[in-house]
Amino acid sequence: MTKRLIILSLFATLMANGSWAQDPGFSQFFASPLTLNPAMTGKFNGDVRVAGNYRNQWPAINNAFITSTISVDGHLLSGRLPENDTWGIGVMAMTDRTASGILTSNFIALSTSYHKSLDEDGLHQIGIGFQGAYANKSLDGTRLTFEDGLQLDGTWLRSPSEPINSQFVSVHYFDMNLGVLYNASSNGNNNYYFGASAYHLNHPKESFLGVDTINVPTRYTFHGGGFFPVTGSSSTLYVSGLFNSQAGAHDFVLGGAWEVSASADETYPVNFYAGLWGRFSNVTDAVIPYVGLDYGDFNLGLTYDVNVSSLQTASQSRGGVEISLIYIKKASNGHHAVPCPHF
């Protein structure tokens, strides 16, 4: 692919994602709890959770988007709160590199949530979470090529008219996010949940030129899912869905996975997963096969986006690979209340 086609494809990619300001996202949204909903902070069965995610989206288009994140969360005042209530606290760091690092965005966030039991058995809980974040974005204008830099002989020169040309600029801002979550079980063995979150509630301002100021648009997310053991077997059915809306761009993801247990040892489980999700925007965007493995305290997930939209020519149908790895240290007191969201 020529340099011109690469750059034109990149701009098409950015337009397909709404704008430079649209938030990075994961196909395995369920494996990145603190970028999904602040109310997910501390919402797991255990003492400490460490989650890491890596995504390389549309690598055929000049490494369009490479996103990585890591988070650590746990519980406060365990054993000192009302029975079945939990208070979570966590920290998350994320970096997103666009167009081989021409635009780099770094975020660090601190979040907390409180989940209140609605019944004496703790089978129904409602929680609210808050998150504060610091963002830094840098744009390397020396690596940008604009249309008016194209010469008759097919070579590219720096644009004579674009003010960002030949500059390296950065912006930073503070952010505020909010989320709510309802989590329940009908018998103590299954789980279902519904959540909603809003990111960039304070509409932080960012400007690379120092003239035109852009307010980062609020991202609204609605998500839900659950898991249901299959009676008479060692398998479990998981389902989950997500709806995102930001700056006129909408994404809908829906799918599920099948889990088969390969070990009868509940303290050191070995489980295999196979599933499929689909992502839709204005058109069908991608089909997302998933495979996963539980091994002791670790959960490994792998997805590959198969691009089926009109961008598949430029992307060569290579939507991108995504890997997640989660470690959960089991509760030291052996306490087990309502099952927590897993997918």
Protein backbone atom coordinates (compact mmCIF):
# COMPACT_ATOMS: atom_id res chain seq x y z
CA MET A 1 0.00 0.00 0.00
CA THR A 2 1.43 3.41 -0.94
CA LYS A 3 1.97 6.10 1.65
CA ARG A 4 -0.92 8.11 0.21
CA LEU A 5 -3.32 5.18 0.47
CA ILE A 6 -2.16 4.47 4.01
CA ILE A 7 -2.88 8.02 5.13
CA LEU A 8 -6.23 8.18 3.32
CA SER A 9 -7.18 4.86 4.91
CA LEU A 10 -6.17 6.18 8.32
CA PHE A 11 -8.41 9.21 7.95
CA ALA A 12 -11.24 6.86 6.95
CA THR A 13 -10.49 4.87 10.08
CA LEU A 14 -10.70 7.95 12.27
CA MET A 15 -13.98 8.99 10.67
CA ALA A 16 -15.36 5.50 11.24
CA ASN A 17 -14.54 5.93 14.92
CA GLY A 18 -16.42 9.21 15.17
CA SER A 19 -13.47 11.54 15.93
CA TRP A 20 -10.07 11.77 17.56
CA ALA A 21 -11.96 12.33 20.82
CA GLN A 22 -13.80 9.00 20.90
CA ASP A 23 -12.63 6.81 23.75
CA PRO A 24 -10.55 3.69 23.17
CA GLY A 25 -12.53 0.50 23.69
CA PHE A 26 -12.07 -3.25 24.04
CA SER A 27 -13.93 -6.11 22.39
CA GLN A 28 -13.45 -7.92 25.72
CA PHE A 29 -15.12 -5.05 27.55
CA PHE A 30 -16.00 -7.44 30.39
CA ALA A 31 -12.26 -8.01 31.05
CA SER A 32 -11.44 -4.31 31.53
CA PRO A 33 -13.67 -3.41 34.49
CA LEU A 34 -12.38 0.08 35.33
CA THR A 35 -12.67 1.38 31.75
CA LEU A 36 -16.21 -0.04 31.56
CA ASN A 37 -17.85 1.25 34.73
CA PRO A 38 -16.42 2.80 37.94
CA ALA A 39 -19.05 0.80 39.85
CA MET A 40 -17.18 -2.37 38.82
CA THR A 41 -14.37 -1.35 41.20
CA GLY A 42 -13.98 -4.09 43.81
CA LYS A 43 -16.81 -6.12 42.31
CA PHE A 44 -15.30 -9.59 42.29
CA ASN A 45 -15.07 -12.64 44.56
CA GLY A 46 -11.66 -12.30 46.16
CA ASP A 47 -9.29 -9.91 47.94
CA VAL A 48 -7.27 -8.38 45.07
CA ARG A 49 -7.76 -8.26 41.30
CA VAL A 50 -5.14 -7.34 38.70
CA ALA A 51 -6.38 -6.96 35.10
CA GLY A 52 -4.32 -6.31 31.99
CA ASN A 53 -5.49 -5.77 28.40
CA TYR A 54 -3.76 -5.35 25.03
CA ARG A 55 -5.48 -4.52 21.74
CA ASN A 56 -4.00 -3.97 18.26
CA GLN A 57 -6.83 -2.75 16.03
CA TRP A 58 -6.55 -2.64 12.23
CA PRO A 59 -2.79 -3.34 12.09
CA ALA A 60 -2.90 -3.32 8.27
CA ILE A 61 -3.76 0.42 8.36
CA ASN A 62 -0.46 1.82 9.61
CA ASN A 63 -0.97 0.35 13.13
CA ALA A 64 -4.12 2.43 13.50
CA PHE A 65 -4.84 1.85 17.21
CA ILE A 66 -2.77 0.04 19.85
CA THR A 67 -4.30 0.19 23.32
CA SER A 68 -2.96 -1.23 26.59
CA THR A 69 -4.28 -0.97 30.12
CA ILE A 70 -3.60 -2.36 33.57
CA SER A 71 -5.67 -2.02 36.72
CA VAL A 72 -5.50 -3.12 40.34
CA ASP A 73 -8.48 -3.06 42.69
CA GLY A 74 -9.49 -4.48 46.04
CA HIS A 75 -11.64 -3.92 49.13
CA LEU A 76 -11.59 -1.55 52.07
CA LEU A 77 -12.74 -2.28 55.65
CA SER A 78 -13.50 -5.92 54.93
CA GLY A 79 -15.34 -7.43 57.90
CA ARG A 80 -16.15 -4.02 59.35
CA LEU A 81 -19.00 -3.06 57.01
CA PRO A 82 -22.62 -4.25 57.25
CA GLU A 83 -22.87 -7.90 56.24
CA ASN A 84 -22.64 -8.49 52.46
CA ASP A 85 -21.77 -4.82 51.77
CA THR A 86 -18.48 -4.11 49.97
CA TRP A 87 -16.37 -1.00 49.46
CA GLY A 88 -13.93 -1.12 46.59
CA ILE A 89 -10.95 1.01 45.59
CA GLY A 90 -8.75 0.74 42.52
CA VAL A 91 -6.25 2.38 40.20
CA MET A 92 -6.03 2.08 36.42
CA ALA A 93 -3.46 3.16 33.80
CA MET A 94 -4.07 3.14 30.05
CA THR A 95 -2.12 4.16 26.97
CA ASP A 96 -3.47 4.46 23.43
CA ARG A 97 -1.22 4.92 20.37
CA THR A 98 -2.88 6.05 17.13
CA ALA A 99 -1.26 5.86 13.68
CA SER A 100 2.03 4.35 14.87
CA GLY A 101 2.18 6.83 17.75
CA ILE A 102 1.46 10.08 15.90
CA LEU A 103 -1.21 10.63 18.55
CA THR A 104 -0.47 9.15 21.99
CA SER A 105 -2.94 9.30 24.87
CA ASN A 106 -2.09 8.32 28.45
CA PHE A 107 -4.54 8.08 31.33
CA ILE A 108 -4.27 7.29 35.02
CA ALA A 109 -7.39 6.97 37.17
CA LEU A 110 -8.38 6.36 40.77
CA SER A 111 -11.82 4.90 41.44
CA THR A 112 -13.98 3.79 44.33
CA SER A 113 -17.38 2.15 44.65
CA TYR A 114 -19.76 1.03 47.36
CA HIS A 115 -22.16 -1.90 46.96
CA LYS A 116 -25.14 -2.16 49.28
CA SER A 117 -26.88 -5.45 49.92
CA LEU A 118 -30.65 -5.26 49.41
CA ASP A 119 -31.51 -8.49 51.25
CA GLU A 120 -30.19 -10.46 54.22
CA ASP A 121 -28.57 -13.13 52.02
CA GLY A 122 -26.76 -10.61 49.83
CA LEU A 123 -28.28 -12.04 46.66
CA HIS A 124 -29.30 -8.60 45.43
CA GLN A 125 -26.94 -5.62 45.53
CA ILE A 126 -26.82 -2.14 44.11
CA GLY A 127 -23.66 -0.09 43.83
CA ILE A 128 -22.40 3.31 42.78
CA GLY A 129 -18.87 4.20 41.74
CA PHE A 130 -16.84 7.36 41.16
CA GLN A 131 -13.62 7.80 39.23
CA GLY A 132 -11.21 10.69 38.83
CA ALA A 133 -8.65 10.60 36.03
CA TYR A 134 -5.70 12.55 34.66
CA ALA A 135 -5.18 12.52 30.88
CA ASN A 136 -2.21 13.55 28.77
CA LYS A 137 -2.31 13.54 24.96
CA SER A 138 0.58 14.34 22.61
CA LEU A 139 0.48 14.90 18.85
CA ASP A 140 3.62 14.64 16.70
CA GLY A 141 2.90 17.07 13.88
CA THR A 142 6.29 16.41 12.28
CA ARG A 143 4.96 13.03 11.14
CA LEU A 144 1.68 14.30 9.66
CA THR A 145 1.12 14.54 5.92
CA PHE A 146 -1.82 16.54 4.55
CA GLU A 147 -3.49 16.55 1.16
CA ASP A 148 -1.99 19.89 0.07
CA GLY A 149 1.46 18.39 0.57
CA LEU A 150 0.98 15.96 -2.32
CA GLN A 151 3.18 16.86 -5.33
CA LEU A 152 2.49 16.21 -8.99
CA ASP A 153 5.23 13.59 -9.12
CA GLY A 154 3.53 11.65 -6.32
CA THR A 155 5.92 12.65 -3.54
CA TRP A 156 4.86 14.24 -0.25
CA LEU A 157 6.10 17.46 1.32
CA ARG A 158 5.09 19.15 4.53
CA SER A 159 1.87 21.09 4.24
CA PRO A 160 2.39 24.85 3.78
CA SER A 161 -0.99 25.71 5.32
CA GLU A 162 -1.61 23.43 8.33
CA PRO A 163 -0.61 25.18 11.61
CA ILE A 164 0.04 21.85 13.35
CA ASN A 165 2.65 20.89 10.78
CA SER A 166 6.23 20.44 12.12
CA GLN A 167 5.12 20.82 15.76
CA PHE A 168 5.02 18.47 18.72
CA VAL A 169 2.22 19.53 21.05
CA SER A 170 0.55 18.06 24.11
CA VAL A 171 -2.51 18.72 26.23
CA HIS A 172 -3.61 17.48 29.64
CA TYR A 173 -6.78 17.61 31.70
CA PHE A 174 -8.60 16.11 34.67
CA ASP A 175 -11.68 14.00 34.21
CA MET A 176 -14.68 12.76 36.23
CA ASN A 177 -16.61 9.53 35.69
CA LEU A 178 -19.63 7.93 37.36
CA GLY A 179 -21.32 4.52 37.27
CA VAL A 180 -24.07 2.41 38.83
CA LEU A 181 -24.48 -1.37 38.93
CA TYR A 182 -27.22 -3.79 39.95
CA ASN A 183 -25.97 -7.33 40.65
CA ALA A 184 -28.16 -10.32 41.58
CA SER A 185 -28.57 -14.07 41.78
CA SER A 186 -31.74 -16.15 41.92
CA ASN A 187 -30.21 -19.11 43.78
CA GLY A 188 -26.65 -18.25 44.80
CA ASN A 189 -25.12 -20.17 41.87
CA ASN A 190 -26.05 -18.02 38.89
CA ASN A 191 -25.60 -14.29 38.28
CA TYR A 192 -27.12 -11.46 36.29
CA TYR A 193 -26.29 -7.77 36.30
CA PHE A 194 -27.12 -4.43 34.68
CA GLY A 195 -24.96 -1.33 34.74
CA ALA A 196 -24.67 2.18 33.36
CA SER A 197 -21.77 4.62 33.33
CA ALA A 198 -20.91 8.11 32.13
CA TYR A 199 -17.34 9.16 31.38
CA HIS A 200 -16.13 12.79 30.94
CA LEU A 201 -18.98 14.24 33.00
CA ASN A 202 -17.11 17.53 33.38
CA HIS A 203 -16.58 17.87 29.59
CA PRO A 204 -12.83 18.58 29.88
CA LYS A 205 -11.33 20.90 27.29
CA GLU A 206 -8.53 19.94 24.92
CA SER A 207 -6.84 21.91 22.16
CA PHE A 208 -3.67 21.08 20.25
CA LEU A 209 -3.57 24.48 18.52
CA GLY A 210 -4.42 26.64 21.51
CA VAL A 211 -7.15 28.36 19.50
CA ASP A 212 -10.05 26.01 18.80
CA THR A 213 -11.04 24.35 22.05
CA ILE A 214 -12.86 21.02 21.96
CA ASN A 215 -14.87 19.73 24.89
CA VAL A 216 -14.43 15.98 25.24
CA PRO A 217 -17.94 14.56 24.76
CA THR A 218 -19.52 12.40 27.45
CA ARG A 219 -19.49 8.68 26.77
CA TYR A 220 -22.61 6.87 27.95
CA THR A 221 -22.40 3.10 28.42
CA PHE A 222 -25.11 0.59 29.22
CA HIS A 223 -24.09 -3.02 29.80
CA GLY A 224 -25.42 -6.25 31.23
CA GLY A 225 -24.99 -9.97 31.30
CA GLY A 226 -24.97 -13.07 33.41
CA PHE A 227 -23.97 -16.69 33.76
CA PHE A 228 -26.17 -19.73 34.21
CA PRO A 229 -24.89 -23.25 35.06
CA VAL A 230 -26.34 -25.97 32.85
CA THR A 231 -28.20 -28.48 35.02
CA GLY A 232 -26.70 -31.94 35.03
CA SER A 233 -23.43 -30.95 33.37
CA SER A 234 -20.09 -29.34 34.18
CA SER A 235 -20.70 -26.44 31.81
CA THR A 236 -22.00 -22.88 32.16
CA LEU A 237 -23.54 -20.45 29.69
CA TYR A 238 -22.37 -16.80 29.75
CA VAL A 239 -24.02 -13.88 27.95
CA SER A 240 -23.18 -10.18 27.86
CA GLY A 241 -23.97 -7.05 25.91
CA LEU A 242 -22.83 -3.44 25.68
CA PHE A 243 -24.13 -0.20 24.18
CA ASN A 244 -21.85 2.85 23.85
CA SER A 245 -22.82 6.33 22.72
CA GLN A 246 -20.38 9.22 22.33
CA ALA A 247 -20.43 12.28 20.07
CA GLY A 248 -23.00 10.75 17.72
CA ALA A 249 -21.08 7.47 17.40
CA HIS A 250 -22.85 4.35 18.62
CA ASP A 251 -21.56 0.82 19.22
CA PHE A 252 -23.53 -2.27 20.17
CA VAL A 253 -21.81 -5.51 21.18
CA LEU A 254 -23.68 -8.73 21.95
CA GLY A 255 -22.66 -12.34 22.42
CA GLY A 256 -21.82 -15.13 24.79
CA ALA A 257 -19.52 -17.98 25.69
CA TRP A 258 -19.72 -21.60 26.76
CA GLU A 259 -17.58 -22.81 29.66
CA VAL A 260 -16.55 -26.42 30.23
CA SER A 261 -14.92 -27.41 33.50
CA ALA A 262 -11.88 -29.69 33.22
CA SER A 263 -11.18 -29.97 36.94
CA ALA A 264 -13.31 -30.91 39.94
CA ASP A 265 -10.98 -29.00 42.28
CA GLU A 266 -12.86 -25.81 43.18
CA THR A 267 -9.80 -24.29 44.87
CA TYR A 268 -7.70 -24.63 41.70
CA PRO A 269 -10.14 -24.67 38.77
CA VAL A 270 -9.31 -25.37 35.14
CA ASN A 271 -12.02 -24.15 32.78
CA PHE A 272 -12.13 -23.71 29.02
CA TYR A 273 -14.25 -21.10 27.19
CA ALA A 274 -15.39 -20.69 23.60
CA GLY A 275 -17.67 -17.91 22.46
CA LEU A 276 -18.66 -15.38 19.85
CA TRP A 277 -19.60 -11.71 19.97
CA GLY A 278 -20.74 -9.32 17.26
CA ARG A 279 -20.19 -5.56 17.10
CA PHE A 280 -22.59 -3.28 15.25
CA SER A 281 -22.53 0.46 14.58
CA ASN A 282 -24.21 1.96 11.52
CA VAL A 283 -23.43 -1.34 9.82
CA THR A 284 -22.24 -4.73 10.98
CA ASP A 285 -18.68 -3.96 12.04
CA ALA A 286 -17.01 -7.17 13.20
CA VAL A 287 -17.48 -10.77 14.20
CA ILE A 288 -15.45 -11.55 17.33
CA PRO A 289 -14.58 -15.18 18.19
CA TYR A 290 -13.34 -15.73 21.75
CA VAL A 291 -11.36 -18.45 23.52
CA GLY A 292 -10.46 -18.39 27.20
CA LEU A 293 -8.87 -20.38 30.00
CA ASP A 294 -9.18 -20.35 33.80
CA TYR A 295 -6.11 -21.79 35.49
CA GLY A 296 -6.12 -21.43 39.23
CA ASP A 297 -6.34 -17.72 40.08
CA PHE A 298 -5.72 -16.62 36.48
CA ASN A 299 -8.09 -16.03 33.58
CA LEU A 300 -6.72 -15.63 30.03
CA GLY A 301 -8.88 -14.41 27.15
CA LEU A 302 -8.13 -14.07 23.44
CA THR A 303 -10.29 -12.51 20.74
CA TYR A 304 -9.73 -11.64 17.10
CA ASP A 305 -11.94 -9.07 15.38
CA VAL A 306 -12.87 -10.24 11.89
CA ASN A 307 -13.72 -7.00 10.12
CA VAL A 308 -16.82 -7.34 7.93
CA SER A 309 -17.63 -3.66 7.33
CA SER A 310 -16.84 -1.55 4.25
CA LEU A 311 -13.39 -0.94 5.75
CA GLN A 312 -12.40 -4.58 5.19
CA THR A 313 -10.65 -3.71 1.90
CA ALA A 314 -8.23 -1.33 3.63
CA SER A 315 -7.93 -3.50 6.75
CA GLN A 316 -7.59 -6.71 4.69
CA SER A 317 -10.35 -8.03 7.02
CA ARG A 318 -7.82 -7.91 9.88
CA GLY A 319 -9.83 -6.24 12.61
CA GLY A 320 -7.25 -6.86 15.29
CA VAL A 321 -6.10 -9.13 18.08
CA GLU A 322 -6.92 -8.59 21.76
CA ILE A 323 -5.55 -10.32 24.85
CA SER A 324 -6.74 -10.08 28.45
CA LEU A 325 -5.20 -11.53 31.60
CA ILE A 326 -6.86 -11.29 35.02
CA TYR A 327 -5.49 -12.46 38.37
CA ILE A 328 -7.80 -12.69 41.40
CA LYS A 329 -6.44 -13.53 44.82
CA LYS A 330 -9.13 -15.56 46.52
CA ALA A 331 -10.77 -14.23 49.67
CA SER A 332 -8.66 -15.03 52.74
CA ASN A 333 -11.71 -15.42 54.98
CA GLY A 334 -13.40 -17.89 52.65
CA HIS A 335 -16.53 -15.71 52.55
CA HIS A 336 -18.65 -16.14 49.44
CA ALA A 337 -21.68 -13.95 48.90
CA VAL A 338 -23.56 -13.32 45.67
CA PRO A 339 -21.65 -14.42 42.53
CA CYS A 340 -20.08 -11.43 40.77
CA PRO A 341 -20.12 -10.47 37.07
CA HIS A 342 -17.68 -12.51 35.00
CA PHE A 343 -18.53 -11.62 31.39
